[in-house]
């Protein structure tokens, strides 16, 4: 098992997040509701930022809302309109429609004022710069 140097519990956090995501997908499949739990997210980090990416085809960018609360809670909300079928009826409806919201806890504090969100070709890409307090600081050792 590889140990995450910045986060001593990084691999445990990753496993818990995966379990949470799997449970959310399982509940969503069992639900007859058209309320979608939210898009599946890829989240990764480097020393400067946390990054997130979600496939959201067919979503109007104006209906996307991205928020960061508490310094490390990322929420992606939006709505996929139900297509109007005139003179036709559904044979199969597997793509979810309606409002969705997805909140994930990030592994570190981020600077909400500097978040960059881009949406192109149906893919939402977020860059969430780490808060200065969360970045490692090099301490200079002075001799006596």
Protein backbone atom coordinates (compact mmCIF):
# COMPACT_ATOMS: atom_id res chain seq x y z
CA UNK A 1 0.00 0.00 0.00
CA UNK A 2 1.40 3.38 -1.02
CA UNK A 3 1.33 6.00 1.67
CA UNK A 4 0.28 9.51 0.73
CA UNK A 5 3.01 11.84 2.10
CA UNK A 6 0.76 14.87 2.48
CA UNK A 7 -2.15 13.01 4.00
CA UNK A 8 -1.27 10.16 6.35
CA UNK A 9 -4.79 8.81 5.92
CA UNK A 10 -4.89 9.51 2.15
CA UNK A 11 -5.41 5.90 1.05
CA UNK A 12 -8.03 5.32 3.76
CA UNK A 13 -9.83 8.52 2.67
CA UNK A 14 -9.72 7.31 -0.93
CA UNK A 15 -11.19 3.91 -0.02
CA UNK A 16 -13.96 5.50 2.07
CA UNK A 17 -14.79 7.91 -0.76
CA UNK A 18 -14.99 5.02 -3.24
CA UNK A 19 -17.31 3.11 -0.89
CA UNK A 20 -19.49 6.21 -0.49
CA UNK A 21 -19.66 6.66 -4.26
CA UNK A 22 -20.55 3.00 -4.86
CA UNK A 23 -23.29 3.20 -2.23
CA UNK A 24 -24.70 6.37 -3.83
CA UNK A 25 -24.78 4.66 -7.25
CA UNK A 26 -26.46 1.59 -5.77
CA UNK A 27 -29.14 3.70 -4.05
CA UNK A 28 -29.68 5.66 -7.26
CA UNK A 29 -30.21 2.46 -9.26
CA UNK A 30 -32.79 1.23 -6.75
CA UNK A 31 -34.63 4.54 -6.73
CA UNK A 32 -37.60 5.06 -9.02
CA UNK A 33 -37.20 8.81 -8.65
CA UNK A 34 -35.83 11.00 -11.42
CA UNK A 35 -33.82 12.97 -8.87
CA UNK A 36 -30.25 12.16 -9.75
CA UNK A 37 -27.75 11.92 -6.91
CA UNK A 38 -25.24 13.73 -9.06
CA UNK A 39 -22.53 13.25 -11.59
CA UNK A 40 -19.67 10.87 -11.06
CA UNK A 41 -16.51 12.84 -10.33
CA UNK A 42 -12.83 12.20 -10.83
CA UNK A 43 -10.87 14.08 -8.15
CA UNK A 44 -7.08 14.31 -7.86
CA UNK A 45 -4.49 16.68 -6.43
CA UNK A 46 -0.97 17.94 -6.76
CA UNK A 47 0.97 20.24 -4.45
CA UNK A 48 -0.84 23.36 -5.75
CA UNK A 49 -4.47 22.39 -6.32
CA UNK A 50 -7.26 19.85 -6.23
CA UNK A 51 -8.84 19.03 -9.58
CA UNK A 52 -12.26 17.62 -10.37
CA UNK A 53 -13.82 16.49 -13.62
CA UNK A 54 -17.35 15.35 -14.46
CA UNK A 55 -19.04 14.24 -17.68
CA UNK A 56 -22.26 16.25 -18.04
CA UNK A 57 -23.41 15.85 -21.64
CA UNK A 58 -26.46 17.81 -22.66
CA UNK A 59 -26.40 20.14 -19.66
CA UNK A 60 -26.88 23.86 -20.19
CA UNK A 61 -23.82 25.55 -18.62
CA UNK A 62 -26.11 28.31 -17.31
CA UNK A 63 -27.89 25.67 -15.19
CA UNK A 64 -24.70 24.49 -13.48
CA UNK A 65 -23.92 25.76 -9.99
CA UNK A 66 -20.56 25.06 -8.36
CA UNK A 67 -20.03 25.92 -4.69
CA UNK A 68 -17.31 25.39 -2.11
CA UNK A 69 -18.39 25.59 1.53
CA UNK A 70 -16.46 25.07 4.72
CA UNK A 71 -13.24 25.31 2.74
CA UNK A 72 -13.39 21.69 1.58
CA UNK A 73 -16.97 20.78 0.56
CA UNK A 74 -17.41 20.83 -3.22
CA UNK A 75 -20.97 20.78 -4.56
CA UNK A 76 -21.92 20.44 -8.22
CA UNK A 77 -25.60 21.11 -8.94
CA UNK A 78 -27.57 21.37 -12.13
CA UNK A 79 -30.48 20.15 -14.16
CA UNK A 80 -30.85 18.04 -17.27
CA UNK A 81 -34.08 18.91 -19.05
CA UNK A 82 -36.51 16.13 -19.88
CA UNK A 83 -36.72 15.84 -23.67
CA UNK A 84 -40.14 16.49 -25.14
CA UNK A 85 -41.35 13.60 -27.26
CA UNK A 86 -44.19 14.60 -29.56
CA UNK A 87 -45.98 11.71 -31.22
CA UNK A 88 -43.62 9.16 -29.63
CA UNK A 89 -43.33 7.13 -26.44
CA UNK A 90 -40.37 5.90 -24.44
CA UNK A 91 -39.17 2.36 -25.09
CA UNK A 92 -36.26 2.65 -22.68
CA UNK A 93 -35.23 5.54 -20.45
CA UNK A 94 -31.85 4.96 -18.80
CA UNK A 95 -30.37 8.45 -18.88
CA UNK A 96 -31.46 10.41 -15.81
CA UNK A 97 -33.27 13.72 -16.17
CA UNK A 98 -34.12 16.41 -13.69
CA UNK A 99 -32.24 18.19 -10.95
CA UNK A 100 -29.07 16.75 -9.48
CA UNK A 101 -26.64 17.64 -6.74
CA UNK A 102 -23.39 16.03 -5.73
CA UNK A 103 -21.28 17.01 -2.73
CA UNK A 104 -17.85 15.60 -1.98
CA UNK A 105 -15.41 16.33 0.78
CA UNK A 106 -12.04 17.39 -0.54
CA UNK A 107 -8.88 16.14 1.19
CA UNK A 108 -7.66 19.67 1.95
CA UNK A 109 -8.83 23.28 2.25
CA UNK A 110 -9.14 25.14 -1.04
CA UNK A 111 -9.33 28.84 -1.87
CA UNK A 112 -12.96 29.23 -3.00
CA UNK A 113 -12.28 32.70 -4.43
CA UNK A 114 -9.78 31.29 -6.95
CA UNK A 115 -11.69 28.25 -8.23
CA UNK A 116 -11.68 27.97 -12.02
CA UNK A 117 -14.57 26.15 -13.73
CA UNK A 118 -14.57 25.30 -17.43
CA UNK A 119 -17.31 23.47 -19.31
CA UNK A 120 -16.66 22.34 -22.85
CA UNK A 121 -17.80 19.41 -24.98
CA UNK A 122 -19.98 18.20 -22.09
CA UNK A 123 -17.10 17.95 -19.61
CA UNK A 124 -16.89 20.10 -16.48
CA UNK A 125 -13.30 20.71 -15.33
CA UNK A 126 -12.58 22.38 -12.01
CA UNK A 127 -9.29 23.66 -10.66
CA UNK A 128 -9.48 24.35 -6.93
CA UNK A 129 -6.26 26.00 -5.72
CA UNK A 130 -5.19 24.86 -2.28
CA UNK A 131 -5.58 27.37 0.50
CA UNK A 132 -2.24 28.80 1.66
CA UNK A 133 -2.80 27.26 5.11
CA UNK A 134 -3.01 23.81 3.49
CA UNK A 135 0.19 24.10 1.46
CA UNK A 136 3.37 22.67 2.90
CA UNK A 137 5.78 25.30 4.14
CA UNK A 138 9.53 24.90 4.07
CA UNK A 139 11.01 25.97 7.37
CA UNK A 140 14.52 27.36 7.31
CA UNK A 141 16.69 26.02 10.11
CA UNK A 142 19.03 28.59 11.58
CA UNK A 143 22.32 27.66 13.18
CA UNK A 144 23.26 28.75 16.67
